[in-house]
Amino acid sequence: MTREQLLLTAIKAAIEAGKEIFTVYNTDFEVEQKADFSPLTEADKKAHNKIMELLAPTNLPVLSEEGKTIPYVERKNWKQFWMVDPLDGTKEFVKKNGEFTVNIALIENGKATLGVIYVPVTKELYFSNEKAYKCT
């Protein structure tokens, strides 16, 4: 895939994950606790699953906060991969204050080279490739 195709794929994944988050946002959802005592909701899981589905065609590995733990020995030689936080700000999501985002970054040789941040509540989209942009 070209860089433009990777960027468009990440943008679509972030926006679609935001839609999944909103299917849970105004409901009476349950809050679980992860091993580190941070909150986990159905919205985290749904956003993660949607992002995984939409990034799959890129054939790049994905390191996601809500995904399975991938041992460092396995991922240390990855030259290119996606780093994802499907719902950054779960505590704020639980408070329903709107202060949460979907974050997707392309990591190449240890550096973020492309990134997408989507704010589902305001529908603001921030992205970067060679330059940074904001869409409202």
C-alpha atoms as a PDB file:
ATOM      1  CA  MET A   1       0.000   0.000   0.000  1.00  0.00           C
ATOM      2  CA  THR A   2       1.079   3.555  -0.613  1.00  0.00           C
ATOM      3  CA  ARG A   3       1.436   5.992   2.284  1.00  0.00           C
ATOM      4  CA  GLU A   4      -1.725   7.744   1.132  1.00  0.00           C
ATOM      5  CA  GLN A   5      -3.615   4.438   1.189  1.00  0.00           C
ATOM      6  CA  LEU A   6      -2.263   3.671   4.664  1.00  0.00           C
ATOM      7  CA  LEU A   7      -3.368   7.109   5.874  1.00  0.00           C
ATOM      8  CA  LEU A   8      -6.840   6.766   4.362  1.00  0.00           C
ATOM      9  CA  THR A   9      -7.173   3.307   5.901  1.00  0.00           C
ATOM     10  CA  ALA A  10      -6.211   4.626   9.339  1.00  0.00           C
ATOM     11  CA  ILE A  11      -8.634   7.553   9.008  1.00  0.00           C
ATOM     12  CA  LYS A  12     -11.483   5.238   8.058  1.00  0.00           C
ATOM     13  CA  ALA A  13     -10.623   2.890  10.929  1.00  0.00           C
ATOM     14  CA  ALA A  14     -10.620   5.750  13.452  1.00  0.00           C
ATOM     15  CA  ILE A  15     -13.941   7.175  12.268  1.00  0.00           C
ATOM     16  CA  GLU A  16     -15.624   3.770  12.165  1.00  0.00           C
ATOM     17  CA  ALA A  17     -14.267   2.965  15.639  1.00  0.00           C
ATOM     18  CA  GLY A  18     -15.781   6.245  16.820  1.00  0.00           C
ATOM     19  CA  LYS A  19     -19.159   5.100  15.496  1.00  0.00           C
ATOM     20  CA  GLU A  20     -18.787   1.842  17.423  1.00  0.00           C
ATOM     21  CA  ILE A  21     -17.995   3.807  20.584  1.00  0.00           C
ATOM     22  CA  PHE A  22     -21.192   5.803  20.144  1.00  0.00           C
ATOM     23  CA  THR A  23     -23.309   2.643  20.013  1.00  0.00           C
ATOM     24  CA  VAL A  24     -22.346   2.230  23.683  1.00  0.00           C
ATOM     25  CA  TYR A  25     -21.919   5.843  24.880  1.00  0.00           C
ATOM     26  CA  ASN A  26     -25.543   6.676  25.716  1.00  0.00           C
ATOM     27  CA  THR A  27     -26.404   3.287  27.192  1.00  0.00           C
ATOM     28  CA  ASP A  28     -26.105   1.892  30.709  1.00  0.00           C
ATOM     29  CA  PHE A  29     -22.853   0.042  30.042  1.00  0.00           C
ATOM     30  CA  GLU A  30     -20.854  -2.014  32.494  1.00  0.00           C
ATOM     31  CA  VAL A  31     -17.303  -1.140  33.477  1.00  0.00           C
ATOM     32  CA  GLU A  32     -14.767  -3.920  34.012  1.00  0.00           C
ATOM     33  CA  GLN A  33     -11.295  -3.578  35.472  1.00  0.00           C
ATOM     34  CA  LYS A  34      -8.187  -4.685  33.628  1.00  0.00           C
ATOM     35  CA  ALA A  35      -5.230  -6.256  35.423  1.00  0.00           C
ATOM     36  CA  ASP A  36      -3.705  -2.784  35.909  1.00  0.00           C
ATOM     37  CA  PHE A  37      -7.012  -1.611  37.465  1.00  0.00           C
ATOM     38  CA  SER A  38      -7.805   0.698  34.553  1.00  0.00           C
ATOM     39  CA  PRO A  39     -11.397   0.627  33.268  1.00  0.00           C
ATOM     40  CA  LEU A  40     -12.556  -1.400  30.279  1.00  0.00           C
ATOM     41  CA  THR A  41     -15.946  -1.085  28.584  1.00  0.00           C
ATOM     42  CA  GLU A  42     -17.800  -2.670  25.707  1.00  0.00           C
ATOM     43  CA  ALA A  43     -16.940   0.481  23.732  1.00  0.00           C
ATOM     44  CA  ASP A  44     -13.199  -0.256  24.106  1.00  0.00           C
ATOM     45  CA  LYS A  45     -13.761  -3.776  22.792  1.00  0.00           C
ATOM     46  CA  LYS A  46     -16.016  -2.765  19.896  1.00  0.00           C
ATOM     47  CA  ALA A  47     -13.642  -0.003  18.799  1.00  0.00           C
ATOM     48  CA  HIS A  48     -10.686  -2.415  18.984  1.00  0.00           C
ATOM     49  CA  ASN A  49     -12.482  -5.041  16.887  1.00  0.00           C
ATOM     50  CA  LYS A  50     -13.495  -2.511  14.216  1.00  0.00           C
ATOM     51  CA  ILE A  51      -9.958  -1.119  13.963  1.00  0.00           C
ATOM     52  CA  MET A  52      -8.471  -4.613  13.702  1.00  0.00           C
ATOM     53  CA  GLU A  53     -10.940  -5.458  10.925  1.00  0.00           C
ATOM     54  CA  LEU A  54     -10.185  -2.310   8.926  1.00  0.00           C
ATOM     55  CA  LEU A  55      -6.395  -2.389   9.369  1.00  0.00           C
ATOM     56  CA  ALA A  56      -6.166  -6.089   8.412  1.00  0.00           C
ATOM     57  CA  PRO A  57      -5.846  -5.418   4.638  1.00  0.00           C
ATOM     58  CA  THR A  58      -2.600  -3.503   5.288  1.00  0.00           C
ATOM     59  CA  ASN A  59      -0.963  -6.787   6.357  1.00  0.00           C
ATOM     60  CA  LEU A  60       0.925  -4.953   9.112  1.00  0.00           C
ATOM     61  CA  PRO A  61       1.026  -6.140  12.716  1.00  0.00           C
ATOM     62  CA  VAL A  62      -1.072  -4.215  15.231  1.00  0.00           C
ATOM     63  CA  LEU A  63      -0.092  -3.428  18.802  1.00  0.00           C
ATOM     64  CA  SER A  64      -3.321  -2.365  20.513  1.00  0.00           C
ATOM     65  CA  GLU A  65      -4.010  -1.473  24.118  1.00  0.00           C
ATOM     66  CA  GLU A  66      -7.034  -3.771  24.008  1.00  0.00           C
ATOM     67  CA  GLY A  67      -5.376  -6.538  21.989  1.00  0.00           C
ATOM     68  CA  LYS A  68      -3.535  -9.614  23.099  1.00  0.00           C
ATOM     69  CA  THR A  69      -0.176  -9.150  24.746  1.00  0.00           C
ATOM     70  CA  ILE A  70       2.562  -9.660  22.181  1.00  0.00           C
ATOM     71  CA  PRO A  71       5.892 -10.569  23.768  1.00  0.00           C
ATOM     72  CA  TYR A  72       8.703  -8.106  23.133  1.00  0.00           C
ATOM     73  CA  VAL A  73      10.880 -10.886  21.729  1.00  0.00           C
ATOM     74  CA  GLU A  74       8.288 -11.295  18.955  1.00  0.00           C
ATOM     75  CA  ARG A  75       7.746  -7.606  18.178  1.00  0.00           C
ATOM     76  CA  LYS A  76      11.244  -6.202  18.710  1.00  0.00           C
ATOM     77  CA  ASN A  77      12.177  -6.769  15.075  1.00  0.00           C
ATOM     78  CA  TRP A  78       9.020  -5.288  13.604  1.00  0.00           C
ATOM     79  CA  LYS A  79      10.135  -2.601  11.160  1.00  0.00           C
ATOM     80  CA  GLN A  80       6.615  -1.330  10.554  1.00  0.00           C
ATOM     81  CA  PHE A  81       3.450  -1.744  12.645  1.00  0.00           C
ATOM     82  CA  TRP A  82       0.308  -0.009  13.837  1.00  0.00           C
ATOM     83  CA  MET A  83       0.131   1.246  17.420  1.00  0.00           C
ATOM     84  CA  VAL A  84      -3.462   1.720  18.530  1.00  0.00           C
ATOM     85  CA  ASP A  85      -5.430   2.977  21.492  1.00  0.00           C
ATOM     86  CA  PRO A  86      -9.020   2.270  20.420  1.00  0.00           C
ATOM     87  CA  LEU A  87     -10.518   4.420  23.175  1.00  0.00           C
ATOM     88  CA  ASP A  88      -7.992   6.727  24.777  1.00  0.00           C
ATOM     89  CA  GLY A  89      -9.612   8.203  27.865  1.00  0.00           C
ATOM     90  CA  THR A  90     -11.858   5.385  29.049  1.00  0.00           C
ATOM     91  CA  LYS A  91     -12.193   7.081  32.454  1.00  0.00           C
ATOM     92  CA  GLU A  92     -13.575  10.156  30.692  1.00  0.00           C
ATOM     93  CA  PHE A  93     -15.811   7.955  28.536  1.00  0.00           C
ATOM     94  CA  VAL A  94     -17.247   6.433  31.722  1.00  0.00           C
ATOM     95  CA  LYS A  95     -17.876   9.956  33.084  1.00  0.00           C
ATOM     96  CA  LYS A  96     -19.567  10.791  29.751  1.00  0.00           C
ATOM     97  CA  ASN A  97     -17.734  14.112  29.549  1.00  0.00           C
ATOM     98  CA  GLY A  98     -16.723  13.706  25.888  1.00  0.00           C
ATOM     99  CA  GLU A  99     -12.987  13.891  26.525  1.00  0.00           C
ATOM    100  CA  PHE A 100     -11.807  10.742  24.781  1.00  0.00           C
ATOM    101  CA  THR A 101     -10.276   9.894  21.414  1.00  0.00           C
ATOM    102  CA  VAL A 102      -9.409   7.100  19.007  1.00  0.00           C
ATOM    103  CA  ASN A 103      -5.644   7.006  18.328  1.00  0.00           C
ATOM    104  CA  ILE A 104      -3.875   5.167  15.508  1.00  0.00           C
ATOM    105  CA  ALA A 105      -0.200   5.557  14.598  1.00  0.00           C
ATOM    106  CA  LEU A 106       2.047   3.914  12.047  1.00  0.00           C
ATOM    107  CA  ILE A 107       5.426   3.129  13.580  1.00  0.00           C
ATOM    108  CA  GLU A 108       8.389   2.688  11.240  1.00  0.00           C
ATOM    109  CA  ASN A 109      11.837   1.815  12.545  1.00  0.00           C
ATOM    110  CA  GLY A 110      10.810   2.865  16.043  1.00  0.00           C
ATOM    111  CA  LYS A 111       9.312   6.242  15.085  1.00  0.00           C
ATOM    112  CA  ALA A 112       5.737   7.388  14.509  1.00  0.00           C
ATOM    113  CA  THR A 113       5.553   8.434  10.857  1.00  0.00           C
ATOM    114  CA  LEU A 114       1.801   8.713  10.360  1.00  0.00           C
ATOM    115  CA  GLY A 115      -0.934   9.354  12.894  1.00  0.00           C
ATOM    116  CA  VAL A 116      -4.665   9.783  13.281  1.00  0.00           C
ATOM    117  CA  ILE A 117      -6.589  11.123  16.267  1.00  0.00           C
ATOM    118  CA  TYR A 118     -10.380  11.159  16.090  1.00  0.00           C
ATOM    119  CA  VAL A 119     -12.658  12.842  18.632  1.00  0.00           C
ATOM    120  CA  PRO A 120     -16.021  11.041  18.321  1.00  0.00           C
ATOM    121  CA  VAL A 121     -18.049  13.591  20.312  1.00  0.00           C
ATOM    122  CA  THR A 122     -17.025  16.607  18.198  1.00  0.00           C
ATOM    123  CA  LYS A 123     -16.194  14.630  15.043  1.00  0.00           C
ATOM    124  CA  GLU A 124     -12.837  16.424  14.890  1.00  0.00           C
ATOM    125  CA  LEU A 125     -10.135  14.554  13.008  1.00  0.00           C
ATOM    126  CA  TYR A 126      -6.430  15.256  13.356  1.00  0.00           C
ATOM    127  CA  PHE A 127      -3.957  13.475  11.119  1.00  0.00           C
ATOM    128  CA  SER A 128      -0.373  13.684  10.010  1.00  0.00           C
ATOM    129  CA  ASN A 129       1.762  12.197   7.315  1.00  0.00           C
ATOM    130  CA  GLU A 130       4.366  14.715   6.285  1.00  0.00           C
ATOM    131  CA  LYS A 131       2.341  17.634   7.647  1.00  0.00           C
ATOM    132  CA  ALA A 132      -0.368  17.829  10.311  1.00  0.00           C
ATOM    133  CA  TYR A 133      -4.023  18.619   9.606  1.00  0.00           C
ATOM    134  CA  LYS A 134      -7.286  19.157  11.463  1.00  0.00           C
ATOM    135  CA  CYS A 135     -10.707  18.516   9.918  1.00  0.00           C
ATOM    136  CA  THR A 136     -13.930  19.581  11.587  1.00  0.00           C
END
